[in-house]
Each structure stands twice: as structure tokens, then as C-alpha cells.
Amino acid sequence: MTMEKKFAIGDSVELKSGGPTMTVTKHIGTVPFSGPSQYTGTVECSWFFDHELKKANFPQDSLELENLD
């Protein structure tokens, strides 16, 4: 089952539970034996902590667009 992508590459997001602002860098998909890959609802995000680049995968439902208020 392919899920709908909630975020675009380059979107600034935050975990709903709080944390740093991160950038969506990749949509994670499964690679079947034949046919196109299918989106799993997981995104790779990157952010900086103490001048060091960090990356991790998150379920898209655990994220929200950065609140600019």
C-alpha cells in the first residue's frame, strides 16, 4: 500500500512532541522485486546539533510543519 506524502523535500518540520527544526531530505520507500518503489510514510530528516549534521528517519505522522508564529 502506497501512502500519500504529507511533506515535500525541503520542508521544515518539527516532531509533534517537540525538538529541533529539521529539514525533510528524503522520502523512504520499499523496493519490490518488480515494479516501482512504494512510499512507506517515513521521511529522512536532517538538522544540526553543536555544528554537527544529524540525520534520522521518522514516520510522517509524528511530524508537523514548522510553526513560524
N, C-alpha and C. Protein backbone atom coordinates (compact mmCIF):
# COMPACT_ATOMS: atom_id res chain seq x y z
N MET A 1 0.84 -1.19 0.00
CA MET A 1 0.00 0.00 0.00
C MET A 1 0.88 1.25 0.00
N THR A 2 0.66 2.13 -0.93
CA THR A 2 1.40 3.38 -1.01
C THR A 2 0.66 4.46 -0.25
N MET A 3 1.38 5.17 0.61
CA MET A 3 0.79 6.25 1.40
C MET A 3 0.97 7.58 0.67
N GLU A 4 0.12 8.54 1.01
CA GLU A 4 0.23 9.89 0.47
C GLU A 4 1.34 10.63 1.20
N LYS A 5 2.15 11.36 0.46
CA LYS A 5 3.24 12.14 1.05
C LYS A 5 2.68 13.43 1.63
N LYS A 6 2.92 13.66 2.92
CA LYS A 6 2.43 14.86 3.59
C LYS A 6 3.41 16.03 3.49
N PHE A 7 4.69 15.73 3.22
CA PHE A 7 5.72 16.77 3.20
C PHE A 7 6.53 16.67 1.91
N ALA A 8 7.02 17.82 1.46
CA ALA A 8 7.89 17.87 0.29
C ALA A 8 9.34 17.90 0.75
N ILE A 9 10.23 17.45 -0.11
CA ILE A 9 11.66 17.58 0.16
C ILE A 9 11.95 19.06 0.36
N GLY A 10 12.67 19.39 1.44
CA GLY A 10 13.00 20.78 1.74
C GLY A 10 12.09 21.43 2.75
N ASP A 11 10.95 20.79 3.07
CA ASP A 11 10.05 21.35 4.09
C ASP A 11 10.75 21.37 5.45
N SER A 12 10.48 22.41 6.23
CA SER A 12 10.96 22.50 7.61
C SER A 12 9.89 21.93 8.51
N VAL A 13 10.27 20.92 9.30
CA VAL A 13 9.32 20.21 10.15
C VAL A 13 9.85 20.11 11.58
N GLU A 14 8.94 19.78 12.47
CA GLU A 14 9.28 19.52 13.87
C GLU A 14 8.53 18.29 14.32
N LEU A 15 9.08 17.57 15.28
CA LEU A 15 8.32 16.49 15.90
C LEU A 15 7.13 17.08 16.63
N LYS A 16 6.00 16.42 16.58
CA LYS A 16 4.81 16.89 17.31
C LYS A 16 5.09 16.97 18.80
N SER A 17 6.00 16.13 19.28
CA SER A 17 6.34 16.11 20.71
C SER A 17 7.39 17.14 21.08
N GLY A 18 7.91 17.88 20.09
CA GLY A 18 8.91 18.91 20.36
C GLY A 18 10.28 18.49 19.84
N GLY A 19 11.21 19.43 19.87
CA GLY A 19 12.56 19.16 19.40
C GLY A 19 13.00 20.19 18.39
N PRO A 20 14.16 19.95 17.76
CA PRO A 20 14.71 20.93 16.83
C PRO A 20 13.94 20.99 15.52
N THR A 21 14.09 22.11 14.82
CA THR A 21 13.56 22.21 13.46
C THR A 21 14.45 21.37 12.55
N MET A 22 13.82 20.56 11.70
CA MET A 22 14.54 19.66 10.82
C MET A 22 14.09 19.91 9.38
N THR A 23 14.90 19.48 8.43
CA THR A 23 14.57 19.58 7.01
C THR A 23 14.32 18.19 6.45
N VAL A 24 13.20 18.03 5.74
CA VAL A 24 12.91 16.76 5.09
C VAL A 24 13.88 16.61 3.92
N THR A 25 14.65 15.52 3.91
CA THR A 25 15.67 15.32 2.88
C THR A 25 15.38 14.15 1.95
N LYS A 26 14.47 13.25 2.35
CA LYS A 26 14.22 12.08 1.51
C LYS A 26 12.91 11.42 1.92
N HIS A 27 12.20 10.87 0.94
CA HIS A 27 11.05 10.01 1.20
C HIS A 27 11.57 8.57 1.16
N ILE A 28 11.24 7.78 2.17
CA ILE A 28 11.72 6.40 2.25
C ILE A 28 10.70 5.47 1.61
N GLY A 29 11.18 4.61 0.74
CA GLY A 29 10.29 3.68 0.05
C GLY A 29 10.80 2.26 0.16
N THR A 30 9.94 1.32 -0.15
CA THR A 30 10.34 -0.08 -0.21
C THR A 30 10.66 -0.40 -1.67
N VAL A 31 11.59 -1.29 -1.87
CA VAL A 31 11.97 -1.68 -3.22
C VAL A 31 11.46 -3.10 -3.45
N PRO A 32 10.40 -3.24 -4.23
CA PRO A 32 9.85 -4.57 -4.50
C PRO A 32 10.72 -5.32 -5.52
N PHE A 33 10.46 -6.60 -5.66
CA PHE A 33 11.21 -7.40 -6.64
C PHE A 33 10.97 -6.90 -8.06
N SER A 34 9.77 -6.40 -8.32
CA SER A 34 9.48 -5.84 -9.64
C SER A 34 8.53 -4.66 -9.47
N GLY A 35 8.61 -3.72 -10.37
CA GLY A 35 7.74 -2.56 -10.31
C GLY A 35 8.39 -1.42 -9.55
N PRO A 36 7.68 -0.29 -9.46
CA PRO A 36 8.24 0.89 -8.79
C PRO A 36 8.26 0.74 -7.27
N SER A 37 9.13 1.52 -6.63
CA SER A 37 9.16 1.51 -5.17
C SER A 37 7.88 2.14 -4.63
N GLN A 38 7.53 1.79 -3.41
CA GLN A 38 6.32 2.31 -2.78
C GLN A 38 6.70 3.10 -1.54
N TYR A 39 6.09 4.26 -1.39
CA TYR A 39 6.35 5.12 -0.25
C TYR A 39 5.79 4.48 1.01
N THR A 40 6.58 4.48 2.09
CA THR A 40 6.20 3.81 3.33
C THR A 40 5.61 4.76 4.38
N GLY A 41 5.60 6.06 4.10
CA GLY A 41 5.11 7.01 5.10
C GLY A 41 6.21 7.46 6.05
N THR A 42 7.46 7.16 5.69
CA THR A 42 8.61 7.54 6.50
C THR A 42 9.45 8.55 5.73
N VAL A 43 9.96 9.55 6.44
CA VAL A 43 10.84 10.54 5.82
C VAL A 43 12.17 10.59 6.55
N GLU A 44 13.21 10.91 5.80
CA GLU A 44 14.51 11.18 6.40
C GLU A 44 14.60 12.67 6.63
N CYS A 45 15.03 13.06 7.82
CA CYS A 45 15.20 14.47 8.16
C CYS A 45 16.63 14.72 8.59
N SER A 46 17.10 15.95 8.37
CA SER A 46 18.42 16.34 8.83
C SER A 46 18.32 17.65 9.61
N TRP A 47 19.27 17.84 10.53
CA TRP A 47 19.34 19.05 11.34
C TRP A 47 20.75 19.15 11.89
N PHE A 48 21.08 20.30 12.44
CA PHE A 48 22.40 20.49 13.04
C PHE A 48 22.27 20.54 14.56
N PHE A 49 23.22 19.88 15.24
CA PHE A 49 23.32 19.93 16.70
C PHE A 49 24.80 20.12 17.03
N ASP A 50 25.11 21.21 17.72
CA ASP A 50 26.51 21.54 18.04
C ASP A 50 27.39 21.52 16.80
N HIS A 51 26.94 22.14 15.74
CA HIS A 51 27.67 22.26 14.47
C HIS A 51 27.90 20.92 13.79
N GLU A 52 27.19 19.88 14.20
CA GLU A 52 27.32 18.56 13.60
C GLU A 52 26.01 18.18 12.92
N LEU A 53 26.11 17.71 11.67
CA LEU A 53 24.93 17.29 10.91
C LEU A 53 24.39 15.98 11.47
N LYS A 54 23.11 15.96 11.75
CA LYS A 54 22.42 14.76 12.23
C LYS A 54 21.37 14.37 11.22
N LYS A 55 21.09 13.07 11.10
CA LYS A 55 20.03 12.56 10.22
C LYS A 55 19.33 11.42 10.93
N ALA A 56 18.02 11.32 10.69
CA ALA A 56 17.24 10.21 11.24
C ALA A 56 15.97 10.06 10.42
N ASN A 57 15.37 8.89 10.50
CA ASN A 57 14.11 8.61 9.82
C ASN A 57 12.97 8.71 10.82
N PHE A 58 11.85 9.31 10.38
CA PHE A 58 10.68 9.49 11.23
C PHE A 58 9.41 9.13 10.46
N PRO A 59 8.42 8.54 11.13
CA PRO A 59 7.11 8.38 10.49
C PRO A 59 6.54 9.78 10.24
N GLN A 60 5.99 10.00 9.05
CA GLN A 60 5.49 11.34 8.73
C GLN A 60 4.37 11.77 9.68
N ASP A 61 3.65 10.82 10.25
CA ASP A 61 2.56 11.19 11.17
C ASP A 61 3.08 11.72 12.50
N SER A 62 4.38 11.57 12.78
CA SER A 62 4.95 12.10 14.02
C SER A 62 5.46 13.52 13.85
N LEU A 63 5.34 14.07 12.62
CA LEU A 63 5.88 15.39 12.29
C LEU A 63 4.79 16.38 11.94
N GLU A 64 5.13 17.67 12.06
CA GLU A 64 4.26 18.74 11.60
C GLU A 64 5.14 19.82 11.00
N LEU A 65 4.56 20.63 10.10
CA LEU A 65 5.31 21.73 9.54
C LEU A 65 5.76 22.68 10.64
N GLU A 66 6.93 23.27 10.46
CA GLU A 66 7.47 24.21 11.43
C GLU A 66 6.47 25.33 11.68
N ASN A 67 6.25 25.66 12.94
CA ASN A 67 5.36 26.74 13.32
C ASN A 67 6.14 28.05 13.24
N LEU A 68 5.77 28.91 12.32
CA LEU A 68 6.51 30.16 12.11
C LEU A 68 5.94 31.33 12.91
N ASP A 69 5.01 31.08 13.81
CA ASP A 69 4.42 32.16 14.62
C ASP A 69 5.38 32.67 15.66
